[in-house]
Amino acid sequence: MREPARVILLGGEPFPEPIIMWWNFVARTRDEIDAAHASWTAQDDRLGHVSCTLPLIPARAPYWQQTERKR
């Protein structure tokens, strides 16, 4: 059986510099990702606040911050 689906396609000019994506964070440098991760972990006002009864989803530290990595 086929189910209805919705698709969104975004496009445009490429970014002028490379981007880095980690978890839900998108930035130009690792330092920007580190700052976003720290803000999320601290639940500060930088990323806004959503009233919800569900627990916060923890973001694992970026791989370059992890001291022990599984092989």
N, C-alpha and C. Protein backbone atom coordinates (compact mmCIF):
# COMPACT_ATOMS: atom_id res chain seq x y z
N MET A 1 0.84 -1.17 0.00
CA MET A 1 0.00 0.00 0.00
C MET A 1 0.89 1.25 0.00
N ARG A 2 0.53 2.22 -0.74
CA ARG A 2 1.29 3.47 -0.80
C ARG A 2 0.66 4.49 0.14
N GLU A 3 1.52 5.18 0.85
CA GLU A 3 1.08 6.23 1.78
C GLU A 3 1.46 7.59 1.20
N PRO A 4 0.66 8.63 1.46
CA PRO A 4 1.05 9.96 1.02
C PRO A 4 2.35 10.39 1.68
N ALA A 5 3.09 11.20 0.99
CA ALA A 5 4.36 11.69 1.53
C ALA A 5 4.50 13.17 1.24
N ARG A 6 5.29 13.84 2.05
CA ARG A 6 5.62 15.24 1.84
C ARG A 6 7.12 15.36 1.72
N VAL A 7 7.54 16.17 0.79
CA VAL A 7 8.96 16.37 0.57
C VAL A 7 9.22 17.87 0.47
N ILE A 8 10.32 18.30 1.03
CA ILE A 8 10.73 19.69 0.88
C ILE A 8 12.13 19.69 0.28
N LEU A 9 12.33 20.49 -0.72
CA LEU A 9 13.62 20.59 -1.38
C LEU A 9 14.10 22.02 -1.25
N LEU A 10 15.25 22.17 -0.65
CA LEU A 10 15.84 23.50 -0.49
C LEU A 10 17.04 23.61 -1.41
N GLY A 11 17.24 24.76 -1.93
CA GLY A 11 18.39 24.95 -2.81
C GLY A 11 18.86 26.38 -2.77
N GLY A 12 19.94 26.62 -3.43
CA GLY A 12 20.48 27.98 -3.49
C GLY A 12 21.96 27.96 -3.79
N GLU A 13 22.55 29.11 -3.66
CA GLU A 13 23.98 29.23 -3.88
C GLU A 13 24.74 28.48 -2.80
N PRO A 14 25.84 27.82 -3.15
CA PRO A 14 26.65 27.15 -2.13
C PRO A 14 27.23 28.16 -1.13
N PHE A 15 27.44 27.71 0.08
CA PHE A 15 28.10 28.57 1.07
C PHE A 15 29.50 28.92 0.58
N PRO A 16 29.98 30.12 0.88
CA PRO A 16 31.32 30.50 0.41
C PRO A 16 32.44 29.77 1.15
N GLU A 17 32.14 29.20 2.32
CA GLU A 17 33.16 28.47 3.06
C GLU A 17 32.62 27.09 3.42
N PRO A 18 33.49 26.15 3.75
CA PRO A 18 33.02 24.82 4.16
C PRO A 18 32.20 24.93 5.44
N ILE A 19 31.26 24.01 5.62
CA ILE A 19 30.49 23.98 6.86
C ILE A 19 30.73 22.66 7.57
N ILE A 20 30.50 22.68 8.87
CA ILE A 20 30.64 21.49 9.70
C ILE A 20 29.28 21.22 10.32
N MET A 21 28.86 19.96 10.31
CA MET A 21 27.61 19.58 10.97
C MET A 21 27.92 18.52 12.02
N TRP A 22 27.37 18.73 13.19
CA TRP A 22 27.48 17.75 14.27
C TRP A 22 26.17 17.76 15.02
N TRP A 23 25.54 16.60 15.11
CA TRP A 23 24.25 16.45 15.77
C TRP A 23 23.28 17.41 15.10
N ASN A 24 22.69 18.37 15.83
CA ASN A 24 21.79 19.36 15.22
C ASN A 24 22.47 20.70 15.00
N PHE A 25 23.77 20.74 15.10
CA PHE A 25 24.50 22.00 14.98
C PHE A 25 25.15 22.11 13.61
N VAL A 26 25.08 23.30 13.03
CA VAL A 26 25.73 23.59 11.75
C VAL A 26 26.54 24.85 11.96
N ALA A 27 27.81 24.83 11.59
CA ALA A 27 28.69 25.98 11.82
C ALA A 27 29.82 25.99 10.80
N ARG A 28 30.65 27.01 10.89
CA ARG A 28 31.80 27.14 9.99
C ARG A 28 33.07 26.55 10.59
N THR A 29 33.14 26.49 11.93
CA THR A 29 34.36 26.01 12.58
C THR A 29 34.01 25.07 13.73
N ARG A 30 35.00 24.32 14.16
CA ARG A 30 34.81 23.46 15.33
C ARG A 30 34.54 24.29 16.58
N ASP A 31 35.17 25.46 16.66
CA ASP A 31 34.94 26.33 17.82
C ASP A 31 33.47 26.74 17.91
N GLU A 32 32.84 27.02 16.77
CA GLU A 32 31.42 27.38 16.77
C GLU A 32 30.56 26.18 17.19
N ILE A 33 30.92 24.99 16.73
CA ILE A 33 30.20 23.78 17.16
C ILE A 33 30.38 23.57 18.66
N ASP A 34 31.61 23.74 19.14
CA ASP A 34 31.88 23.59 20.58
C ASP A 34 31.02 24.57 21.40
N ALA A 35 30.91 25.79 20.93
CA ALA A 35 30.11 26.81 21.64
C ALA A 35 28.63 26.43 21.62
N ALA A 36 28.13 25.95 20.49
CA ALA A 36 26.73 25.54 20.41
C ALA A 36 26.47 24.34 21.32
N HIS A 37 27.39 23.38 21.33
CA HIS A 37 27.24 22.21 22.21
C HIS A 37 27.23 22.64 23.67
N ALA A 38 28.12 23.55 24.04
CA ALA A 38 28.17 24.04 25.42
C ALA A 38 26.86 24.75 25.78
N SER A 39 26.33 25.54 24.86
CA SER A 39 25.06 26.24 25.11
C SER A 39 23.92 25.25 25.30
N TRP A 40 23.87 24.21 24.45
CA TRP A 40 22.81 23.20 24.56
C TRP A 40 22.92 22.47 25.90
N THR A 41 24.13 22.07 26.25
CA THR A 41 24.35 21.33 27.49
C THR A 41 23.99 22.17 28.71
N ALA A 42 24.34 23.46 28.68
CA ALA A 42 24.05 24.36 29.80
C ALA A 42 22.60 24.86 29.78
N GLN A 43 21.89 24.57 28.69
CA GLN A 43 20.52 25.05 28.51
C GLN A 43 20.43 26.56 28.68
N ASP A 44 21.43 27.27 28.16
CA ASP A 44 21.38 28.73 28.26
C ASP A 44 20.42 29.30 27.21
N ASP A 45 20.27 30.60 27.17
CA ASP A 45 19.28 31.25 26.31
C ASP A 45 19.69 31.35 24.85
N ARG A 46 20.91 31.00 24.52
CA ARG A 46 21.40 31.17 23.14
C ARG A 46 20.53 30.42 22.13
N LEU A 47 20.11 29.22 22.46
CA LEU A 47 19.35 28.40 21.53
C LEU A 47 17.85 28.43 21.80
N GLY A 48 17.42 29.32 22.68
CA GLY A 48 16.00 29.45 22.96
C GLY A 48 15.51 28.39 23.93
N HIS A 49 14.25 28.52 24.31
CA HIS A 49 13.66 27.59 25.26
C HIS A 49 12.29 27.16 24.73
N VAL A 50 12.01 25.89 24.83
CA VAL A 50 10.71 25.34 24.44
C VAL A 50 10.10 24.69 25.67
N SER A 51 8.90 25.11 26.01
CA SER A 51 8.21 24.49 27.15
C SER A 51 7.72 23.11 26.74
N CYS A 52 8.16 22.11 27.49
CA CYS A 52 7.81 20.74 27.15
C CYS A 52 8.00 19.87 28.38
N THR A 53 7.18 18.84 28.50
CA THR A 53 7.32 17.92 29.63
C THR A 53 8.32 16.81 29.35
N LEU A 54 8.78 16.71 28.10
CA LEU A 54 9.77 15.69 27.75
C LEU A 54 11.15 16.10 28.25
N PRO A 55 12.00 15.13 28.58
CA PRO A 55 13.35 15.48 29.04
C PRO A 55 14.21 16.00 27.88
N LEU A 56 15.21 16.78 28.23
CA LEU A 56 16.16 17.29 27.25
C LEU A 56 16.92 16.13 26.62
N ILE A 57 17.08 16.16 25.32
CA ILE A 57 17.87 15.13 24.64
C ILE A 57 19.34 15.55 24.73
N PRO A 58 20.17 14.76 25.41
CA PRO A 58 21.57 15.15 25.53
C PRO A 58 22.31 14.99 24.21
N ALA A 59 23.13 15.97 23.90
CA ALA A 59 23.96 15.90 22.70
C ALA A 59 25.32 15.34 23.10
N ARG A 60 25.73 14.27 22.46
CA ARG A 60 27.05 13.72 22.73
C ARG A 60 28.09 14.73 22.27
N ALA A 61 29.18 14.82 22.96
CA ALA A 61 30.25 15.74 22.60
C ALA A 61 30.77 15.41 21.20
N PRO A 62 31.15 16.41 20.44
CA PRO A 62 31.74 16.14 19.12
C PRO A 62 32.94 15.21 19.24
N TYR A 63 33.19 14.45 18.20
CA TYR A 63 34.25 13.44 18.25
C TYR A 63 35.61 14.02 18.59
N TRP A 64 35.87 15.27 18.22
CA TRP A 64 37.19 15.85 18.51
C TRP A 64 37.32 16.23 19.98
N GLN A 65 36.22 16.19 20.74
CA GLN A 65 36.30 16.44 22.18
C GLN A 65 36.35 15.14 22.97
N GLN A 66 36.04 14.04 22.36
CA GLN A 66 35.97 12.77 23.07
C GLN A 66 37.38 12.21 23.25
N THR A 67 37.68 11.82 24.48
CA THR A 67 39.02 11.30 24.77
C THR A 67 39.17 9.84 24.38
N GLU A 68 38.12 9.06 24.57
CA GLU A 68 38.18 7.65 24.19
C GLU A 68 37.15 7.41 23.10
N ARG A 69 37.61 6.93 21.98
CA ARG A 69 36.72 6.64 20.87
C ARG A 69 36.72 5.15 20.62
N LYS A 70 35.54 4.61 20.30
CA LYS A 70 35.45 3.20 19.95
C LYS A 70 36.04 3.01 18.57
N ARG A 71 36.69 1.90 18.37
CA ARG A 71 37.26 1.58 17.05
C ARG A 71 36.45 0.51 16.39
